[in-house]
Amino acid sequence: MLRTSASRVLDDQDREEVLALLDADPIANVFVASRVRSVGLSPARLGGQMWGFGPRGGLTSLCYAGANLVPVNAGLEAIQAFVDRARKQGRRCSSIVGPADAVEKLWERLEPYWGPARAIRWAQPVMAISSPSPVPADALVRRVRPEEFATLLPACVAMFTEEVGISPDLGDGGALYRSRVAELIRVGRSYARIEDGRVVFKAEVGAVTPQACQIQGVWVHPDLRGRGHAVAGMAAVVEQTLRHFAPTVTLYVNDFNLPARAAYRKVGFKEVDTFMSVLF
């Protein structure tokens, strides 16, 4: 076993150093950077802890330990330090997600204590685009209005269940998930094409920083798939998010989801990295 220094729990005094480390790779780190910029590093506001590896003024690696466990710029020594802390704390997250190499090494060391996983997504291409799509955008895709929450929610639940393999209504009855859906609508980060009370296409902007924003929850009604709604809808979302949120739009997708990958490539997304997710 590697002999390592211990990790430490960071606080708001470390904010600028943390952001500098996150901004070194704004696409890979968009989720964690968005959280830090929104609420800071206080565990009470962050909804978890930020672990740092390296002394104050010399941070080299991070690990967000909240609903997800997310390593940032984590080499072998940092990974072992984060594993030591994760083992002592016990599993509190629903997934480990991030750059594939780091997540694979984390899971290799945590599996004897946290396993088995419910599912492992070994390769999830990270894709990005920094200019409007060359394909025509769906003019009917727009921001969802607060009064349309009840219309959008079933589509969000269906997407989550299809993608993750379990319903977001488990545990707390879906209260936390519903509040997240409502919040994204409230801040103008939920987009959809809605016709006659039915969601045709939807997507959300899950994370935003000055450098990048991350799209999540892309979904087309099952009865309407194969008709180009995903391509035209994503072209519209890219156009609007580039205008309103950040100069680069990113997402990640399962490697086995060939139709989605083909649609994103047609929109103009390029593969720039690979994530891995371990789901509990």
C-alpha atoms as a PDB file:
ATOM      1  CA  MET A   1       0.000   0.000   0.000  1.00  0.00           C
ATOM      2  CA  LEU A   2       1.201   3.498  -0.800  1.00  0.00           C
ATOM      3  CA  ARG A   3       2.392   5.522   2.139  1.00  0.00           C
ATOM      4  CA  THR A   4       0.547   8.833   1.867  1.00  0.00           C
ATOM      5  CA  SER A   5      -0.207  12.048   3.629  1.00  0.00           C
ATOM      6  CA  ALA A   6      -3.742  12.358   4.936  1.00  0.00           C
ATOM      7  CA  SER A   7      -6.408  14.342   3.165  1.00  0.00           C
ATOM      8  CA  ARG A   8      -8.168  17.180   4.998  1.00  0.00           C
ATOM      9  CA  VAL A   9     -11.622  18.727   4.944  1.00  0.00           C
ATOM     10  CA  LEU A  10     -11.507  22.109   3.230  1.00  0.00           C
ATOM     11  CA  ASP A  11     -13.453  25.226   4.141  1.00  0.00           C
ATOM     12  CA  ASP A  12     -14.148  28.665   2.724  1.00  0.00           C
ATOM     13  CA  GLN A  13     -10.589  29.811   3.457  1.00  0.00           C
ATOM     14  CA  ASP A  14      -9.518  27.426   0.689  1.00  0.00           C
ATOM     15  CA  ARG A  15     -12.051  28.688  -1.869  1.00  0.00           C
ATOM     16  CA  GLU A  16      -9.752  30.588  -4.219  1.00  0.00           C
ATOM     17  CA  GLU A  17      -7.175  27.815  -4.293  1.00  0.00           C
ATOM     18  CA  VAL A  18      -9.894  25.232  -4.901  1.00  0.00           C
ATOM     19  CA  LEU A  19     -11.378  27.233  -7.769  1.00  0.00           C
ATOM     20  CA  ALA A  20      -7.951  27.686  -9.364  1.00  0.00           C
ATOM     21  CA  LEU A  21      -7.493  23.905  -9.330  1.00  0.00           C
ATOM     22  CA  LEU A  22     -10.990  23.300 -10.705  1.00  0.00           C
ATOM     23  CA  ASP A  23     -10.614  25.908 -13.430  1.00  0.00           C
ATOM     24  CA  ALA A  24      -7.508  24.146 -14.755  1.00  0.00           C
ATOM     25  CA  ASP A  25      -9.919  21.646 -16.387  1.00  0.00           C
ATOM     26  CA  PRO A  26     -13.259  23.464 -16.645  1.00  0.00           C
ATOM     27  CA  ILE A  27     -15.024  20.764 -18.665  1.00  0.00           C
ATOM     28  CA  ALA A  28     -14.142  17.780 -16.462  1.00  0.00           C
ATOM     29  CA  ASN A  29     -14.738  19.786 -13.286  1.00  0.00           C
ATOM     30  CA  VAL A  30     -17.859  21.726 -14.237  1.00  0.00           C
ATOM     31  CA  PHE A  31     -20.137  19.980 -11.719  1.00  0.00           C
ATOM     32  CA  VAL A  32     -17.860  20.455  -8.707  1.00  0.00           C
ATOM     33  CA  ALA A  33     -16.881  23.991  -9.734  1.00  0.00           C
ATOM     34  CA  SER A  34     -20.535  24.937 -10.117  1.00  0.00           C
ATOM     35  CA  ARG A  35     -21.264  23.727  -6.576  1.00  0.00           C
ATOM     36  CA  VAL A  36     -18.327  25.616  -5.076  1.00  0.00           C
ATOM     37  CA  ARG A  37     -19.136  28.844  -6.929  1.00  0.00           C
ATOM     38  CA  SER A  38     -22.785  28.611  -5.862  1.00  0.00           C
ATOM     39  CA  VAL A  39     -22.465  27.778  -2.168  1.00  0.00           C
ATOM     40  CA  GLY A  40     -18.800  27.807  -1.147  1.00  0.00           C
ATOM     41  CA  LEU A  41     -17.044  25.080   0.853  1.00  0.00           C
ATOM     42  CA  SER A  42     -18.930  25.034   4.134  1.00  0.00           C
ATOM     43  CA  PRO A  43     -20.204  21.444   4.497  1.00  0.00           C
ATOM     44  CA  ALA A  44     -23.607  22.661   5.675  1.00  0.00           C
ATOM     45  CA  ARG A  45     -24.133  24.623   2.451  1.00  0.00           C
ATOM     46  CA  LEU A  46     -22.206  22.283   0.161  1.00  0.00           C
ATOM     47  CA  GLY A  47     -24.302  19.270   1.120  1.00  0.00           C
ATOM     48  CA  GLY A  48     -21.153  17.291   1.856  1.00  0.00           C
ATOM     49  CA  GLN A  49     -17.445  17.824   2.297  1.00  0.00           C
ATOM     50  CA  MET A  50     -14.617  18.845   0.006  1.00  0.00           C
ATOM     51  CA  TRP A  51     -11.498  16.840   0.723  1.00  0.00           C
ATOM     52  CA  GLY A  52      -8.143  18.284  -0.248  1.00  0.00           C
ATOM     53  CA  PHE A  53      -4.781  16.631  -0.733  1.00  0.00           C
ATOM     54  CA  GLY A  54      -1.791  18.874  -0.137  1.00  0.00           C
ATOM     55  CA  PRO A  55      -1.175  21.713   2.313  1.00  0.00           C
ATOM     56  CA  ARG A  56      -2.862  25.107   2.191  1.00  0.00           C
ATOM     57  CA  GLY A  57      -1.160  26.942  -0.634  1.00  0.00           C
ATOM     58  CA  GLY A  58      -0.128  23.643  -2.190  1.00  0.00           C
ATOM     59  CA  LEU A  59      -3.326  21.767  -2.993  1.00  0.00           C
ATOM     60  CA  THR A  60      -2.863  19.229  -5.763  1.00  0.00           C
ATOM     61  CA  SER A  61      -6.085  17.180  -5.650  1.00  0.00           C
ATOM     62  CA  LEU A  62      -9.695  17.353  -4.483  1.00  0.00           C
ATOM     63  CA  CYS A  63     -12.555  14.999  -3.840  1.00  0.00           C
ATOM     64  CA  TYR A  64     -16.140  16.180  -3.510  1.00  0.00           C
ATOM     65  CA  ALA A  65     -17.898  13.900  -1.016  1.00  0.00           C
ATOM     66  CA  GLY A  66     -21.608  14.594  -1.138  1.00  0.00           C
ATOM     67  CA  ALA A  67     -24.439  12.791  -2.905  1.00  0.00           C
ATOM     68  CA  ASN A  68     -21.696  11.781  -5.330  1.00  0.00           C
ATOM     69  CA  LEU A  69     -18.024  11.060  -4.712  1.00  0.00           C
ATOM     70  CA  VAL A  70     -16.109  13.021  -7.374  1.00  0.00           C
ATOM     71  CA  PRO A  71     -12.285  13.009  -7.623  1.00  0.00           C
ATOM     72  CA  VAL A  72     -10.489  16.003  -9.132  1.00  0.00           C
ATOM     73  CA  ASN A  73      -6.927  15.836 -10.501  1.00  0.00           C
ATOM     74  CA  ALA A  74      -6.297  12.821  -8.270  1.00  0.00           C
ATOM     75  CA  GLY A  75      -3.024  10.941  -8.615  1.00  0.00           C
ATOM     76  CA  LEU A  76      -2.240   7.681  -6.827  1.00  0.00           C
ATOM     77  CA  GLU A  77      -1.195   9.231  -3.517  1.00  0.00           C
ATOM     78  CA  ALA A  78      -4.262  11.449  -3.408  1.00  0.00           C
ATOM     79  CA  ILE A  79      -6.530   8.549  -4.338  1.00  0.00           C
ATOM     80  CA  GLN A  80      -5.188   6.465  -1.474  1.00  0.00           C
ATOM     81  CA  ALA A  81      -5.664   9.376   0.940  1.00  0.00           C
ATOM     82  CA  PHE A  82      -9.258   9.820  -0.247  1.00  0.00           C
ATOM     83  CA  VAL A  83      -9.878   6.069   0.041  1.00  0.00           C
ATOM     84  CA  ASP A  84      -8.634   6.113   3.648  1.00  0.00           C
ATOM     85  CA  ARG A  85     -11.052   8.920   4.532  1.00  0.00           C
ATOM     86  CA  ALA A  86     -13.933   7.337   2.610  1.00  0.00           C
ATOM     87  CA  ARG A  87     -13.453   4.016   4.410  1.00  0.00           C
ATOM     88  CA  LYS A  88     -13.440   5.679   7.832  1.00  0.00           C
ATOM     89  CA  GLN A  89     -16.514   7.766   7.024  1.00  0.00           C
ATOM     90  CA  GLY A  90     -18.471   4.945   5.397  1.00  0.00           C
ATOM     91  CA  ARG A  91     -20.416   5.187   2.178  1.00  0.00           C
ATOM     92  CA  ARG A  92     -22.803   8.142   2.113  1.00  0.00           C
ATOM     93  CA  CYS A  93     -22.914   8.686  -1.655  1.00  0.00           C
ATOM     94  CA  SER A  94     -25.169   7.176  -4.309  1.00  0.00           C
ATOM     95  CA  SER A  95     -22.390   7.089  -6.906  1.00  0.00           C
ATOM     96  CA  ILE A  96     -18.708   7.609  -7.654  1.00  0.00           C
ATOM     97  CA  VAL A  97     -18.295   9.597 -10.852  1.00  0.00           C
ATOM     98  CA  GLY A  98     -15.516  11.448 -12.653  1.00  0.00           C
ATOM     99  CA  PRO A  99     -12.487  10.898 -14.881  1.00  0.00           C
ATOM    100  CA  ALA A 100     -12.344   7.191 -15.684  1.00  0.00           C
ATOM    101  CA  ASP A 101      -8.770   6.531 -14.580  1.00  0.00           C
ATOM    102  CA  ALA A 102      -9.251   8.082 -11.131  1.00  0.00           C
ATOM    103  CA  VAL A 103     -12.674   6.525 -10.532  1.00  0.00           C
ATOM    104  CA  GLU A 104     -11.413   3.086 -11.540  1.00  0.00           C
ATOM    105  CA  LYS A 105      -8.553   3.338  -9.036  1.00  0.00           C
ATOM    106  CA  LEU A 106     -10.876   4.615  -6.294  1.00  0.00           C
ATOM    107  CA  TRP A 107     -13.320   1.787  -6.876  1.00  0.00           C
ATOM    108  CA  GLU A 108     -10.577  -0.834  -7.023  1.00  0.00           C
ATOM    109  CA  ARG A 109      -9.618   0.159  -3.472  1.00  0.00           C
ATOM    110  CA  LEU A 110     -13.142   0.792  -2.127  1.00  0.00           C
ATOM    111  CA  GLU A 111     -14.953  -2.200  -3.615  1.00  0.00           C
ATOM    112  CA  PRO A 112     -13.886  -4.604  -0.826  1.00  0.00           C
ATOM    113  CA  TYR A 113     -15.568  -2.271   1.687  1.00  0.00           C
ATOM    114  CA  TRP A 114     -18.369  -0.630  -0.309  1.00  0.00           C
ATOM    115  CA  GLY A 115     -19.187  -3.302  -2.883  1.00  0.00           C
ATOM    116  CA  PRO A 116     -20.951  -4.695  -4.666  1.00  0.00           C
ATOM    117  CA  ALA A 117     -22.084  -1.850  -6.911  1.00  0.00           C
ATOM    118  CA  ARG A 118     -25.579  -1.839  -8.371  1.00  0.00           C
ATOM    119  CA  ALA A 119     -24.148  -0.905 -11.769  1.00  0.00           C
ATOM    120  CA  ILE A 120     -20.836   0.221 -13.248  1.00  0.00           C
ATOM    121  CA  ARG A 121     -20.599   2.432 -16.327  1.00  0.00           C
ATOM    122  CA  TRP A 122     -16.984   1.827 -17.266  1.00  0.00           C
ATOM    123  CA  ALA A 123     -16.739   4.313 -20.145  1.00  0.00           C
ATOM    124  CA  GLN A 124     -18.836   7.453 -20.537  1.00  0.00           C
ATOM    125  CA  PRO A 125     -17.577   9.764 -23.291  1.00  0.00           C
ATOM    126  CA  VAL A 126     -17.445  13.416 -22.268  1.00  0.00           C
ATOM    127  CA  MET A 127     -18.525  15.615 -25.174  1.00  0.00           C
ATOM    128  CA  ALA A 128     -18.316  19.370 -25.721  1.00  0.00           C
ATOM    129  CA  ILE A 129     -19.294  22.065 -28.207  1.00  0.00           C
ATOM    130  CA  SER A 130     -18.359  25.765 -28.265  1.00  0.00           C
ATOM    131  CA  SER A 131     -20.308  27.085 -31.248  1.00  0.00           C
ATOM    132  CA  PRO A 132     -23.904  26.855 -32.463  1.00  0.00           C
ATOM    133  CA  SER A 133     -24.874  23.593 -34.118  1.00  0.00           C
ATOM    134  CA  PRO A 134     -24.721  23.360 -37.907  1.00  0.00           C
ATOM    135  CA  VAL A 135     -28.099  21.562 -37.913  1.00  0.00           C
ATOM    136  CA  PRO A 136     -31.413  23.469 -37.671  1.00  0.00           C
ATOM    137  CA  ALA A 137     -32.604  24.062 -34.123  1.00  0.00           C
ATOM    138  CA  ASP A 138     -36.124  23.145 -33.021  1.00  0.00           C
ATOM    139  CA  ALA A 139     -37.865  26.506 -32.722  1.00  0.00           C
ATOM    140  CA  LEU A 140     -40.406  24.997 -30.314  1.00  0.00           C
ATOM    141  CA  VAL A 141     -37.806  24.145 -27.644  1.00  0.00           C
ATOM    142  CA  ARG A 142     -37.957  26.819 -24.947  1.00  0.00           C
ATOM    143  CA  ARG A 143     -37.525  27.383 -21.245  1.00  0.00           C
ATOM    144  CA  VAL A 144     -40.084  25.561 -19.128  1.00  0.00           C
ATOM    145  CA  ARG A 145     -42.407  27.828 -17.167  1.00  0.00           C
ATOM    146  CA  PRO A 146     -43.070  27.313 -13.423  1.00  0.00           C
ATOM    147  CA  GLU A 147     -46.735  26.510 -14.053  1.00  0.00           C
ATOM    148  CA  GLU A 148     -45.616  23.600 -16.281  1.00  0.00           C
ATOM    149  CA  PHE A 149     -43.896  21.747 -13.420  1.00  0.00           C
ATOM    150  CA  ALA A 150     -46.609  19.071 -13.217  1.00  0.00           C
ATOM    151  CA  THR A 151     -46.329  18.478 -16.962  1.00  0.00           C
ATOM    152  CA  LEU A 152     -42.541  18.185 -16.927  1.00  0.00           C
ATOM    153  CA  LEU A 153     -42.120  16.097 -13.774  1.00  0.00           C
ATOM    154  CA  PRO A 154     -43.328  12.729 -15.175  1.00  0.00           C
ATOM    155  CA  ALA A 155     -40.887  13.089 -18.072  1.00  0.00           C
ATOM    156  CA  CYS A 156     -38.057  13.807 -15.625  1.00  0.00           C
ATOM    157  CA  VAL A 157     -38.961  10.766 -13.520  1.00  0.00           C
ATOM    158  CA  ALA A 158     -39.136   8.576 -16.625  1.00  0.00           C
ATOM    159  CA  MET A 159     -35.731   9.816 -17.802  1.00  0.00           C
ATOM    160  CA  PHE A 160     -34.117   9.247 -14.408  1.00  0.00           C
ATOM    161  CA  THR A 161     -35.562   5.754 -14.072  1.00  0.00           C
ATOM    162  CA  GLU A 162     -34.495   4.808 -17.594  1.00  0.00           C
ATOM    163  CA  GLU A 163     -30.997   6.198 -17.169  1.00  0.00           C
ATOM    164  CA  VAL A 164     -30.145   5.267 -13.574  1.00  0.00           C
ATOM    165  CA  GLY A 165     -32.194   2.089 -13.253  1.00  0.00           C
ATOM    166  CA  ILE A 166     -34.153   3.094 -10.148  1.00  0.00           C
ATOM    167  CA  SER A 167     -36.923   5.601  -9.524  1.00  0.00           C
ATOM    168  CA  PRO A 168     -36.066   8.970  -7.949  1.00  0.00           C
ATOM    169  CA  ASP A 169     -39.201   8.479  -5.825  1.00  0.00           C
ATOM    170  CA  LEU A 170     -37.425   5.893  -3.664  1.00  0.00           C
ATOM    171  CA  GLY A 171     -36.161   6.878  -0.216  1.00  0.00           C
ATOM    172  CA  ASP A 172     -37.801  10.216   0.497  1.00  0.00           C
ATOM    173  CA  GLY A 173     -40.738   9.686  -1.825  1.00  0.00           C
ATOM    174  CA  GLY A 174     -39.114  11.873  -4.464  1.00  0.00           C
ATOM    175  CA  ALA A 175     -39.223  15.118  -2.458  1.00  0.00           C
ATOM    176  CA  LEU A 176     -35.584  16.034  -3.079  1.00  0.00           C
ATOM    177  CA  TYR A 177     -35.845  15.188  -6.768  1.00  0.00           C
ATOM    178  CA  ARG A 178     -39.010  17.239  -7.199  1.00  0.00           C
ATOM    179  CA  SER A 179     -37.383  20.219  -5.503  1.00  0.00           C
ATOM    180  CA  ARG A 180     -34.406  19.964  -7.857  1.00  0.00           C
ATOM    181  CA  VAL A 181     -36.676  19.843 -10.927  1.00  0.00           C
ATOM    182  CA  ALA A 182     -38.605  22.876  -9.630  1.00  0.00           C
ATOM    183  CA  GLU A 183     -35.411  24.796  -8.899  1.00  0.00           C
ATOM    184  CA  LEU A 184     -34.020  24.254 -12.415  1.00  0.00           C
ATOM    185  CA  ILE A 185     -37.294  25.531 -13.857  1.00  0.00           C
ATOM    186  CA  ARG A 186     -37.231  28.540 -11.532  1.00  0.00           C
ATOM    187  CA  VAL A 187     -33.723  29.614 -12.574  1.00  0.00           C
ATOM    188  CA  GLY A 188     -34.381  29.124 -16.284  1.00  0.00           C
ATOM    189  CA  ARG A 189     -32.229  26.031 -16.778  1.00  0.00           C
ATOM    190  CA  SER A 190     -34.958  23.605 -17.875  1.00  0.00           C
ATOM    191  CA  TYR A 191     -35.761  23.352 -21.589  1.00  0.00           C
ATOM    192  CA  ALA A 192     -38.472  21.399 -23.374  1.00  0.00           C
ATOM    193  CA  ARG A 193     -40.759  21.093 -26.347  1.00  0.00           C
ATOM    194  CA  ILE A 194     -44.261  20.653 -24.985  1.00  0.00           C
ATOM    195  CA  GLU A 195     -47.204  19.936 -27.275  1.00  0.00           C
ATOM    196  CA  ASP A 196     -50.809  19.471 -26.108  1.00  0.00           C
ATOM    197  CA  GLY A 197     -49.678  18.865 -22.534  1.00  0.00           C
ATOM    198  CA  ARG A 198     -47.106  16.227 -23.546  1.00  0.00           C
ATOM    199  CA  VAL A 199     -43.339  16.593 -23.284  1.00  0.00           C
ATOM    200  CA  VAL A 200     -41.814  15.746 -26.663  1.00  0.00           C
ATOM    201  CA  PHE A 201     -38.203  16.585 -25.764  1.00  0.00           C
ATOM    202  CA  LYS A 202     -36.498  17.904 -22.656  1.00  0.00           C
ATOM    203  CA  ALA A 203     -33.064  18.681 -21.239  1.00  0.00           C
ATOM    204  CA  GLU A 204     -31.677  20.596 -18.276  1.00  0.00           C
ATOM    205  CA  VAL A 205     -28.570  22.656 -17.612  1.00  0.00           C
ATOM    206  CA  GLY A 206     -27.380  20.876 -14.486  1.00  0.00           C
ATOM    207  CA  ALA A 207     -24.216  22.856 -13.757  1.00  0.00           C
ATOM    208  CA  VAL A 208     -22.926  26.290 -14.769  1.00  0.00           C
ATOM    209  CA  THR A 209     -19.586  28.065 -14.416  1.00  0.00           C
ATOM    210  CA  PRO A 210     -18.157  31.059 -16.314  1.00  0.00           C
ATOM    211  CA  GLN A 211     -16.230  28.590 -18.507  1.00  0.00           C
ATOM    212  CA  ALA A 212     -18.729  25.798 -19.183  1.00  0.00           C
ATOM    213  CA  CYS A 213     -22.179  24.414 -18.551  1.00  0.00           C
ATOM    214  CA  GLN A 214     -23.257  20.774 -18.396  1.00  0.00           C
ATOM    215  CA  ILE A 215     -26.401  19.394 -19.992  1.00  0.00           C
ATOM    216  CA  GLN A 216     -28.214  16.546 -18.268  1.00  0.00           C
ATOM    217  CA  GLY A 217     -31.533  14.717 -18.429  1.00  0.00           C
ATOM    218  CA  VAL A 218     -31.842  14.605 -22.207  1.00  0.00           C
ATOM    219  CA  TRP A 219     -35.037  12.700 -23.056  1.00  0.00           C
ATOM    220  CA  VAL A 220     -37.425  12.184 -25.946  1.00  0.00           C
ATOM    221  CA  HIS A 221     -40.886  10.699 -25.449  1.00  0.00           C
ATOM    222  CA  PRO A 222     -40.643   6.966 -26.288  1.00  0.00           C
ATOM    223  CA  ASP A 223     -43.490   7.190 -28.820  1.00  0.00           C
ATOM    224  CA  LEU A 224     -41.650   9.908 -30.743  1.00  0.00           C
ATOM    225  CA  ARG A 225     -38.110   8.576 -30.903  1.00  0.00           C
ATOM    226  CA  GLY A 226     -36.348   8.167 -34.228  1.00  0.00           C
ATOM    227  CA  ARG A 227     -37.894  11.317 -35.694  1.00  0.00           C
ATOM    228  CA  GLY A 228     -35.002  13.742 -35.153  1.00  0.00           C
ATOM    229  CA  HIS A 229     -36.338  15.397 -32.016  1.00  0.00           C
ATOM    230  CA  ALA A 230     -33.114  14.766 -30.072  1.00  0.00           C
ATOM    231  CA  VAL A 231     -30.875  16.373 -32.709  1.00  0.00           C
ATOM    232  CA  ALA A 232     -33.076  19.415 -33.330  1.00  0.00           C
ATOM    233  CA  GLY A 233     -33.844  19.764 -29.627  1.00  0.00           C
ATOM    234  CA  MET A 234     -30.203  19.611 -28.581  1.00  0.00           C
ATOM    235  CA  ALA A 235     -29.284  22.099 -31.314  1.00  0.00           C
ATOM    236  CA  ALA A 236     -31.800  24.480 -29.749  1.00  0.00           C
ATOM    237  CA  VAL A 237     -30.499  23.874 -26.221  1.00  0.00           C
ATOM    238  CA  VAL A 238     -26.901  24.436 -27.356  1.00  0.00           C
ATOM    239  CA  GLU A 239     -27.849  27.685 -29.086  1.00  0.00           C
ATOM    240  CA  GLN A 240     -29.676  29.024 -26.048  1.00  0.00           C
ATOM    241  CA  THR A 241     -27.166  27.890 -23.421  1.00  0.00           C
ATOM    242  CA  LEU A 242     -24.249  29.364 -25.359  1.00  0.00           C
ATOM    243  CA  ARG A 243     -26.167  32.643 -25.413  1.00  0.00           C
ATOM    244  CA  HIS A 244     -27.245  32.660 -21.765  1.00  0.00           C
ATOM    245  CA  PHE A 245     -24.829  30.601 -19.683  1.00  0.00           C
ATOM    246  CA  ALA A 246     -21.300  29.732 -20.840  1.00  0.00           C
ATOM    247  CA  PRO A 247     -18.990  29.593 -23.884  1.00  0.00           C
ATOM    248  CA  THR A 248     -18.741  25.789 -23.847  1.00  0.00           C
ATOM    249  CA  VAL A 249     -21.556  23.251 -23.516  1.00  0.00           C
ATOM    250  CA  THR A 250     -20.671  19.780 -22.267  1.00  0.00           C
ATOM    251  CA  LEU A 251     -22.316  16.484 -21.312  1.00  0.00           C
ATOM    252  CA  TYR A 252     -21.390  12.860 -20.792  1.00  0.00           C
ATOM    253  CA  VAL A 253     -23.124   9.789 -22.153  1.00  0.00           C
ATOM    254  CA  ASN A 254     -22.919   6.020 -21.748  1.00  0.00           C
ATOM    255  CA  ASP A 255     -20.650   4.432 -24.343  1.00  0.00           C
ATOM    256  CA  PHE A 256     -23.298   1.805 -25.160  1.00  0.00           C
ATOM    257  CA  ASN A 257     -25.951   4.450 -25.944  1.00  0.00           C
ATOM    258  CA  LEU A 258     -25.090   4.544 -29.628  1.00  0.00           C
ATOM    259  CA  PRO A 259     -28.186   6.488 -30.777  1.00  0.00           C
ATOM    260  CA  ALA A 260     -27.504   9.286 -28.269  1.00  0.00           C
ATOM    261  CA  ARG A 261     -23.809   9.461 -29.188  1.00  0.00           C
ATOM    262  CA  ALA A 262     -24.694   9.636 -32.886  1.00  0.00           C
ATOM    263  CA  ALA A 263     -27.247  12.388 -32.215  1.00  0.00           C
ATOM    264  CA  TYR A 264     -24.773  14.456 -30.208  1.00  0.00           C
ATOM    265  CA  ARG A 265     -22.118  14.091 -32.914  1.00  0.00           C
ATOM    266  CA  LYS A 266     -24.634  15.259 -35.505  1.00  0.00           C
ATOM    267  CA  VAL A 267     -25.356  18.310 -33.356  1.00  0.00           C
ATOM    268  CA  GLY A 268     -21.621  19.055 -33.369  1.00  0.00           C
ATOM    269  CA  PHE A 269     -20.386  17.714 -30.036  1.00  0.00           C
ATOM    270  CA  LYS A 270     -16.847  16.279 -29.962  1.00  0.00           C
ATOM    271  CA  GLU A 271     -15.524  13.688 -27.510  1.00  0.00           C
ATOM    272  CA  VAL A 272     -12.939  15.297 -25.231  1.00  0.00           C
ATOM    273  CA  ASP A 273     -12.588  12.968 -22.219  1.00  0.00           C
ATOM    274  CA  THR A 274     -13.949   9.778 -20.637  1.00  0.00           C
ATOM    275  CA  PHE A 275     -15.818   9.466 -17.342  1.00  0.00           C
ATOM    276  CA  MET A 276     -16.719   6.400 -15.326  1.00  0.00           C
ATOM    277  CA  SER A 277     -19.585   5.963 -12.873  1.00  0.00           C
ATOM    278  CA  VAL A 278     -20.132   3.445 -10.089  1.00  0.00           C
ATOM    279  CA  LEU A 279     -23.801   3.376  -9.009  1.00  0.00           C
ATOM    280  CA  PHE A 280     -25.068   2.094  -5.640  1.00  0.00           C
END
